[in-house]
Amino acid sequence: MNTALIVAAGASTRAKLNQSKVLYEINQKPLFMYSVETFKSMGHDIVLVVSRDDLNHVRKYVTEDIKLVIGGKTRSESVMNGLKEVETPYVFIHDAARPLISKDAILSIEKALEYHDAVLLVEKMTSALKQNTPNGIQSLDRESYVLAQTPQAFLTEKIRFAYIRNHVPYDDDIALYQAFYPEEKIHTVINEEPNLKVTYQEDLAYVKAVLKERDEHMRIGHSFDIHQLVEGRSLWLGGIEIPFEKGLLGHSDADVLLHAISEAILGALALGDLGTHFPDTDPKYKGIDSKLILKEVHDAMHHRGYQIGNIDATVFAEVPKLNPHMLKIRESIARLLSIPLDLVSVKATTYEKMDAIGEQKAMAAEAVVLLKKV
């Protein structure tokens, strides 16, 4: 488990707004929430450091699982205050003024932390680099330079040790870390996606355009479903019947894979869960073919102007062996949704003989669906 320590306590003087820039709303959402939601969606604990003046306003947006911390007079004090609340082995220190941070960048840092105690996210220099010297302008090799970004990630105990003992200002967290661990090589991760730090008003226009494009054109949904395995039922999975002595128990045909995909689509559209639309208390859905459920959800998606970007699903089952049926399952889902086969990924794994699935008492499926605006 990791923690995202998101610093949102700056004075924002250069932005020349009548409020803190992290409270500036884009698409009815304050700037700081974009970083919060990105890290939270990846399973990070969140420690959000805010100014005392912004605290009540911030509380309107955050859930109880987010730790709110009052910042200090300087960024260093704010980070130190936040580090006191971090309980996980690794911490990602991120500026809330960088709302464009991507999941891919965070994932790359997570992978690097498997081998390094400090990781710096950077962008390459694209402009010609010059140095103004007493003898005139000198050209520098831009390939030797990078621009630092956040998040910067660390083994928590080491960066906290450095902050507790530090009394000198540094440009960023990596610089402080290097001062206390000079022999340690800092690992860098190159980020090629937008990650602008909002500093001036004109930066907000750029960020607003990027975020509006993201919010309007892509939506992600996720779902997990589980059903009991019982005798006397046919086993339906992905819209095809799998030869097996048991089937899944449910009010419908209990196709756990189509249920997960259908609910993930509903989730991406913010339309609630499958039980809301197809309640098991309604007799008309008794024994319903899950292909009809998926079709109705698919129609709702098209009605709102979206199409499938791709599907990534996993089936959890000890028995039967699903690999021989995987291509037919994928083809069935692609056909039902009228999308190319290469947009449908379905994997199968066991539960290593643990819990109900491992004991052959149940099967489950998990699905992540990306929707794109037509």
Protein backbone atom coordinates (compact mmCIF):
# COMPACT_ATOMS: atom_id res chain seq x y z
CA MET A 1 0.00 0.00 0.00
CA ASN A 2 1.19 3.53 -0.85
CA THR A 3 0.18 6.97 0.32
CA ALA A 4 -0.25 10.03 -1.86
CA LEU A 5 0.69 13.09 0.16
CA ILE A 6 -0.92 15.86 -1.88
CA VAL A 7 0.19 19.37 -1.03
CA ALA A 8 -2.56 21.96 -1.55
CA ALA A 9 -1.60 24.62 0.97
CA GLY A 10 0.18 27.18 -1.20
CA ALA A 11 -0.59 30.88 -1.23
CA SER A 12 -1.26 30.98 -5.02
CA THR A 13 -0.11 34.61 -5.27
CA ARG A 14 1.19 34.34 -8.86
CA ALA A 15 -2.12 33.01 -10.14
CA LYS A 16 -3.77 36.34 -9.15
CA LEU A 17 -7.12 34.75 -8.35
CA ASN A 18 -9.59 35.76 -5.66
CA GLN A 19 -9.19 32.29 -4.15
CA SER A 20 -6.61 29.54 -3.78
CA LYS A 21 -5.82 28.09 -7.21
CA VAL A 22 -6.39 24.54 -5.94
CA LEU A 23 -10.03 25.52 -5.31
CA TYR A 24 -10.49 26.77 -8.87
CA GLU A 25 -13.24 24.68 -10.44
CA ILE A 26 -12.95 22.97 -13.80
CA ASN A 27 -15.97 20.96 -14.93
CA GLN A 28 -17.60 21.59 -11.52
CA LYS A 29 -14.64 20.05 -9.73
CA PRO A 30 -11.90 21.89 -7.76
CA LEU A 31 -8.38 21.51 -9.10
CA PHE A 32 -7.09 19.51 -6.12
CA MET A 33 -9.72 16.79 -6.58
CA TYR A 34 -8.26 15.69 -9.92
CA SER A 35 -5.07 14.49 -8.20
CA VAL A 36 -7.01 13.07 -5.26
CA GLU A 37 -9.27 11.01 -7.52
CA THR A 38 -6.41 9.76 -9.70
CA PHE A 39 -4.36 8.46 -6.77
CA LYS A 40 -7.41 7.12 -4.95
CA SER A 41 -8.52 5.16 -8.02
CA MET A 42 -5.16 3.37 -7.88
CA GLY A 43 -5.62 2.29 -4.29
CA HIS A 44 -3.46 4.92 -2.60
CA ASP A 45 -4.20 6.24 0.85
CA ILE A 46 -4.63 10.01 0.65
CA VAL A 47 -3.14 12.65 2.94
CA LEU A 48 -4.27 16.06 1.74
CA VAL A 49 -2.44 19.09 3.13
CA VAL A 50 -4.48 22.31 2.92
CA SER A 51 -4.34 25.81 4.28
CA ARG A 52 -6.42 26.59 7.34
CA ASP A 53 -8.40 29.15 5.34
CA ASP A 54 -9.41 26.51 2.75
CA LEU A 55 -10.22 23.70 5.18
CA ASN A 56 -13.99 24.14 5.38
CA HIS A 57 -14.31 24.47 1.62
CA VAL A 58 -12.19 21.37 0.99
CA ARG A 59 -14.33 19.34 3.39
CA LYS A 60 -17.29 19.75 1.05
CA TYR A 61 -15.59 17.55 -1.54
CA VAL A 62 -13.58 14.89 0.27
CA THR A 63 -14.73 11.65 1.85
CA GLU A 64 -13.98 10.56 5.40
CA ASP A 65 -11.19 8.18 4.34
CA ILE A 66 -9.05 11.14 3.22
CA LYS A 67 -6.83 12.56 5.95
CA LEU A 68 -6.91 16.35 6.03
CA VAL A 69 -3.85 18.08 7.44
CA ILE A 70 -3.28 21.80 8.02
CA GLY A 71 -0.25 23.10 6.13
CA GLY A 72 2.58 25.25 7.43
CA LYS A 73 4.07 28.59 6.44
CA THR A 74 6.30 26.96 3.81
CA ARG A 75 5.96 23.97 1.52
CA SER A 76 8.55 22.12 3.59
CA GLU A 77 6.49 22.62 6.74
CA SER A 78 3.39 21.44 4.91
CA VAL A 79 5.11 18.28 3.69
CA MET A 80 6.46 17.61 7.18
CA ASN A 81 2.98 17.96 8.66
CA GLY A 82 1.67 15.52 6.09
CA LEU A 83 4.46 12.98 6.61
CA LYS A 84 3.44 12.66 10.26
CA GLU A 85 0.18 11.08 9.06
CA VAL A 86 1.67 8.62 6.55
CA GLU A 87 1.44 4.99 7.68
CA THR A 88 2.41 3.10 4.51
CA PRO A 89 5.92 1.97 3.50
CA TYR A 90 6.08 4.32 0.51
CA VAL A 91 4.87 7.87 0.00
CA PHE A 92 4.24 9.83 -3.22
CA ILE A 93 4.64 13.56 -2.58
CA HIS A 94 2.62 15.48 -5.15
CA ASP A 95 1.63 19.09 -5.76
CA ALA A 96 -2.12 19.56 -6.09
CA ALA A 97 -1.34 22.24 -8.68
CA ARG A 98 -0.43 19.40 -11.08
CA PRO A 99 -3.94 18.03 -11.80
CA LEU A 100 -2.98 16.28 -15.04
CA ILE A 101 -0.87 13.53 -13.46
CA SER A 102 -1.67 10.28 -15.23
CA LYS A 103 -2.18 6.76 -13.95
CA ASP A 104 0.52 5.50 -16.32
CA ALA A 105 3.09 7.82 -14.74
CA ILE A 106 2.10 6.74 -11.24
CA LEU A 107 2.26 3.09 -12.24
CA SER A 108 5.77 3.57 -13.66
CA ILE A 109 6.88 5.10 -10.37
CA GLU A 110 5.31 2.22 -8.42
CA LYS A 111 7.28 -0.28 -10.47
CA ALA A 112 10.51 1.67 -9.93
CA LEU A 113 9.94 1.67 -6.16
CA GLU A 114 10.29 -2.11 -6.21
CA TYR A 115 14.02 -1.55 -6.71
CA HIS A 116 14.72 2.00 -5.50
CA ASP A 117 14.06 4.04 -2.33
CA ALA A 118 13.68 7.36 -4.15
CA VAL A 119 12.13 8.00 -7.58
CA LEU A 120 11.96 11.29 -9.47
CA LEU A 121 9.43 11.94 -12.23
CA VAL A 122 10.94 14.09 -14.97
CA GLU A 123 10.27 15.49 -18.40
CA LYS A 124 12.85 15.85 -21.14
CA MET A 125 14.09 19.24 -22.27
CA THR A 126 12.59 20.09 -25.65
CA SER A 127 13.81 23.66 -26.10
CA ALA A 128 17.38 24.71 -26.79
CA LEU A 129 19.14 25.30 -23.46
CA LYS A 130 21.37 28.34 -22.95
CA GLN A 131 23.42 29.72 -20.06
CA ASN A 132 23.99 33.44 -19.59
CA THR A 133 27.66 33.87 -18.57
CA PRO A 134 29.91 36.94 -18.18
CA ASN A 135 31.38 36.00 -21.56
CA GLY A 136 27.99 35.84 -23.27
CA ILE A 137 25.45 33.15 -24.06
CA GLN A 138 26.73 29.59 -23.89
CA SER A 139 24.86 26.69 -25.47
CA LEU A 140 24.35 23.61 -23.30
CA ASP A 141 23.59 20.03 -24.20
CA ARG A 142 19.90 19.69 -23.41
CA GLU A 143 20.18 15.89 -23.39
CA SER A 144 22.08 16.21 -20.10
CA TYR A 145 19.21 18.04 -18.39
CA VAL A 146 15.67 17.19 -17.31
CA LEU A 147 12.85 19.10 -15.62
CA ALA A 148 11.62 17.78 -12.29
CA GLN A 149 7.94 17.03 -11.78
CA THR A 150 5.81 15.56 -9.04
CA PRO A 151 4.99 13.08 -7.65
CA GLN A 152 8.37 12.33 -6.17
CA ALA A 153 8.23 9.00 -4.34
CA PHE A 154 10.22 7.66 -1.39
CA LEU A 155 10.61 5.00 1.21
CA THR A 156 8.60 6.76 3.89
CA GLU A 157 10.95 6.25 6.81
CA LYS A 158 13.90 7.73 4.89
CA ILE A 159 12.22 10.90 3.63
CA ARG A 160 10.57 11.42 7.01
CA PHE A 161 13.96 11.06 8.71
CA ALA A 162 15.37 13.74 6.38
CA TYR A 163 12.47 16.15 6.96
CA ILE A 164 12.56 15.80 10.74
CA ARG A 165 16.25 16.69 10.85
CA ASN A 166 16.33 19.35 8.15
CA HIS A 167 16.56 23.10 8.82
CA VAL A 168 17.66 24.33 5.38
CA PRO A 169 15.34 25.20 2.43
CA TYR A 170 15.61 23.01 -0.68
CA ASP A 171 14.07 23.31 -4.15
CA ASP A 172 12.11 20.08 -3.84
CA ASP A 173 11.83 16.82 -1.92
CA ILE A 174 14.47 15.05 -4.02
CA ALA A 175 17.02 17.77 -3.28
CA LEU A 176 16.41 17.36 0.44
CA TYR A 177 16.67 13.58 0.12
CA GLN A 178 20.00 13.88 -1.72
CA ALA A 179 21.38 16.10 1.03
CA PHE A 180 20.81 13.36 3.61
CA TYR A 181 21.67 10.39 1.38
CA PRO A 182 24.42 11.73 -0.91
CA GLU A 183 25.75 8.30 -1.85
CA GLU A 184 22.38 7.07 -3.13
CA LYS A 185 21.57 7.28 -6.81
CA ILE A 186 18.15 8.77 -7.58
CA HIS A 187 16.14 6.78 -10.11
CA THR A 188 14.34 8.86 -12.74
CA VAL A 189 11.14 8.05 -14.61
CA ILE A 190 10.54 9.98 -17.82
CA ASN A 191 6.99 11.27 -18.20
CA GLU A 192 5.90 12.06 -21.74
CA GLU A 193 2.31 12.98 -20.84
CA PRO A 194 1.02 16.45 -19.84
CA ASN A 195 1.76 17.26 -16.19
CA LEU A 196 1.85 21.06 -16.08
CA LYS A 197 2.08 22.81 -12.73
CA VAL A 198 -0.53 25.56 -12.58
CA THR A 199 1.28 28.76 -11.64
CA TYR A 200 -0.26 31.56 -13.65
CA GLN A 201 -3.79 32.28 -14.86
CA GLU A 202 -2.90 31.33 -18.42
CA ASP A 203 -1.91 27.85 -17.15
CA LEU A 204 -5.50 27.34 -16.04
CA ALA A 205 -6.75 27.80 -19.60
CA TYR A 206 -4.46 25.02 -20.85
CA VAL A 207 -5.30 22.65 -17.99
CA LYS A 208 -9.00 23.36 -18.41
CA ALA A 209 -8.85 22.40 -22.08
CA VAL A 210 -6.99 19.13 -21.36
CA LEU A 211 -9.26 18.13 -18.46
CA LYS A 212 -12.40 19.01 -20.38
CA GLU A 213 -11.23 16.79 -23.22
CA ARG A 214 -10.54 13.94 -20.81
CA ASP A 215 -13.79 14.25 -18.88
CA GLU A 216 -16.00 14.56 -21.94
CA HIS A 217 -14.42 11.93 -24.13
CA MET A 218 -13.43 9.09 -21.82
CA ARG A 219 -15.10 7.33 -18.91
CA ILE A 220 -13.89 4.30 -16.96
CA GLY A 221 -16.09 1.77 -15.19
CA HIS A 222 -15.22 -1.15 -12.90
CA SER A 223 -17.22 -4.02 -11.43
CA PHE A 224 -16.78 -7.27 -9.54
CA ASP A 225 -19.42 -10.01 -9.34
CA ILE A 226 -19.52 -13.44 -7.67
CA HIS A 227 -22.02 -16.33 -7.82
CA GLN A 228 -22.26 -19.72 -6.16
CA LEU A 229 -21.55 -22.91 -8.11
CA VAL A 230 -24.38 -25.41 -7.71
CA GLU A 231 -25.60 -28.61 -9.30
CA GLY A 232 -28.59 -28.62 -11.62
CA ARG A 233 -27.70 -25.35 -13.39
CA SER A 234 -26.09 -24.68 -16.77
CA LEU A 235 -22.81 -22.78 -16.69
CA TRP A 236 -23.01 -19.63 -18.80
CA LEU A 237 -19.95 -17.45 -19.18
CA GLY A 238 -19.48 -14.57 -21.58
CA GLY A 239 -22.68 -15.50 -23.37
CA ILE A 240 -21.72 -19.10 -24.17
CA GLU A 241 -22.52 -22.35 -22.37
CA ILE A 242 -19.49 -24.06 -20.84
CA PRO A 243 -19.69 -27.88 -20.47
CA PHE A 244 -19.54 -28.59 -16.73
CA GLU A 245 -21.46 -30.54 -14.11
CA LYS A 246 -22.34 -27.39 -12.18
CA GLY A 247 -23.67 -23.93 -12.99
CA LEU A 248 -23.93 -20.54 -11.33
CA LEU A 249 -26.80 -19.71 -9.02
CA GLY A 250 -28.72 -16.51 -9.60
CA HIS A 251 -32.05 -14.84 -10.38
CA SER A 252 -30.96 -14.62 -14.03
CA ASP A 253 -28.82 -17.18 -15.87
CA ALA A 254 -26.03 -15.88 -13.55
CA ASP A 255 -23.47 -15.21 -16.29
CA VAL A 256 -20.98 -13.65 -13.89
CA LEU A 257 -18.74 -12.31 -16.68
CA LEU A 258 -21.51 -10.52 -18.60
CA HIS A 259 -22.81 -9.17 -15.29
CA ALA A 260 -19.41 -7.66 -14.45
CA ILE A 261 -19.06 -6.11 -17.92
CA SER A 262 -22.62 -4.76 -17.88
CA GLU A 263 -22.22 -3.19 -14.46
CA ALA A 264 -18.84 -1.70 -15.41
CA ILE A 265 -20.53 0.07 -18.32
CA LEU A 266 -23.27 1.34 -16.00
CA GLY A 267 -20.58 2.54 -13.60
CA ALA A 268 -18.73 4.42 -16.31
CA LEU A 269 -21.98 6.18 -17.15
CA ALA A 270 -22.71 6.88 -13.46
CA LEU A 271 -25.99 4.95 -13.78
CA GLY A 272 -25.70 2.87 -10.63
CA ASP A 273 -25.40 -0.90 -10.25
CA LEU A 274 -26.96 -3.87 -11.99
CA GLY A 275 -29.33 -4.58 -9.11
CA THR A 276 -30.91 -1.16 -9.50
CA HIS A 277 -31.83 -1.79 -13.13
CA PHE A 278 -32.50 -5.54 -12.94
CA PRO A 279 -33.62 -6.22 -9.34
CA ASP A 280 -33.79 -9.86 -8.28
CA THR A 281 -37.10 -9.03 -6.57
CA ASP A 282 -38.79 -8.47 -9.94
CA PRO A 283 -40.31 -11.69 -11.36
CA LYS A 284 -39.92 -10.49 -14.94
CA TYR A 285 -36.14 -10.90 -14.64
CA LYS A 286 -36.42 -14.48 -13.35
CA GLY A 287 -34.10 -16.61 -15.48
CA ILE A 288 -33.35 -13.74 -17.88
CA ASP A 289 -30.60 -14.32 -20.42
CA SER A 290 -27.67 -12.09 -19.42
CA LYS A 291 -27.09 -11.33 -23.10
CA LEU A 292 -30.35 -9.34 -22.95
CA ILE A 293 -29.06 -7.47 -19.89
CA LEU A 294 -25.88 -6.56 -21.72
CA LYS A 295 -27.88 -5.46 -24.77
CA GLU A 296 -30.03 -3.11 -22.69
CA VAL A 297 -26.97 -1.62 -21.01
CA HIS A 298 -25.25 -1.35 -24.41
CA ASP A 299 -28.25 0.54 -25.80
CA ALA A 300 -28.17 2.94 -22.83
CA MET A 301 -24.49 3.59 -23.53
CA HIS A 302 -25.13 4.39 -27.19
CA HIS A 303 -28.08 6.60 -26.28
CA ARG A 304 -25.67 8.76 -24.24
CA GLY A 305 -23.21 9.02 -27.12
CA TYR A 306 -20.50 6.59 -26.00
CA GLN A 307 -18.81 3.55 -27.46
CA ILE A 308 -16.56 0.86 -26.04
CA GLY A 309 -12.87 1.82 -25.99
CA ASN A 310 -11.75 -1.53 -24.65
CA ILE A 311 -12.63 -4.16 -22.04
CA ASP A 312 -10.25 -5.93 -19.68
CA ALA A 313 -11.88 -8.70 -17.66
CA THR A 314 -10.71 -11.51 -15.38
CA VAL A 315 -12.62 -14.64 -14.38
CA PHE A 316 -11.75 -16.21 -11.02
CA ALA A 317 -12.46 -19.95 -11.02
CA GLU A 318 -10.79 -23.08 -9.68
CA VAL A 319 -12.86 -25.23 -12.04
CA PRO A 320 -13.51 -25.73 -14.86
CA LYS A 321 -10.42 -24.92 -16.90
CA LEU A 322 -11.38 -21.95 -19.04
CA ASN A 323 -8.41 -21.49 -21.35
CA PRO A 324 -9.82 -23.89 -24.00
CA HIS A 325 -12.97 -21.73 -24.15
CA MET A 326 -11.34 -18.30 -23.94
CA LEU A 327 -11.37 -17.44 -27.65
CA LYS A 328 -15.07 -18.33 -27.97
CA ILE A 329 -15.85 -16.24 -24.87
CA ARG A 330 -14.02 -13.23 -26.30
CA GLU A 331 -15.69 -13.68 -29.69
CA SER A 332 -19.10 -13.86 -28.03
CA ILE A 333 -18.55 -10.63 -26.08
CA ALA A 334 -17.17 -8.83 -29.15
CA ARG A 335 -20.19 -9.95 -31.16
CA LEU A 336 -22.68 -8.91 -28.48
CA LEU A 337 -21.14 -5.44 -28.26
CA SER A 338 -20.42 -5.11 -32.02
CA ILE A 339 -16.75 -4.32 -31.43
CA PRO A 340 -13.49 -5.79 -32.81
CA LEU A 341 -12.09 -8.83 -31.01
CA ASP A 342 -8.86 -7.01 -30.12
CA LEU A 343 -10.83 -4.64 -27.89
CA VAL A 344 -11.88 -7.53 -25.63
CA SER A 345 -9.42 -8.99 -23.13
CA VAL A 346 -10.57 -11.86 -20.90
CA LYS A 347 -8.20 -13.67 -18.57
CA ALA A 348 -8.74 -16.55 -16.17
CA THR A 349 -7.05 -17.28 -12.88
CA THR A 350 -7.58 -19.44 -9.80
CA TYR A 351 -7.79 -18.53 -6.12
CA GLU A 352 -5.00 -20.97 -5.22
CA LYS A 353 -7.55 -23.24 -3.51
CA MET A 354 -8.47 -20.49 -1.01
CA ASP A 355 -11.88 -19.16 0.01
CA ALA A 356 -15.14 -20.12 -1.70
CA ILE A 357 -13.70 -19.85 -5.20
CA GLY A 358 -10.70 -22.01 -4.36
CA GLU A 359 -12.99 -24.55 -2.74
CA GLN A 360 -15.00 -24.79 -5.98
CA LYS A 361 -18.09 -23.29 -4.36
CA ALA A 362 -18.18 -20.10 -6.42
CA MET A 363 -16.93 -18.23 -9.48
CA ALA A 364 -16.30 -14.48 -9.84
CA ALA A 365 -15.47 -11.98 -12.54
CA GLU A 366 -13.98 -8.51 -12.56
CA ALA A 367 -14.19 -6.07 -15.46
CA VAL A 368 -12.77 -2.67 -16.34
CA VAL A 369 -14.37 -0.86 -19.27
CA LEU A 370 -13.21 2.27 -21.06
CA LEU A 371 -15.88 4.28 -22.84
CA LYS A 372 -15.15 6.91 -25.47
CA LYS A 373 -17.37 9.72 -26.69
CA VAL A 374 -18.60 9.08 -30.20
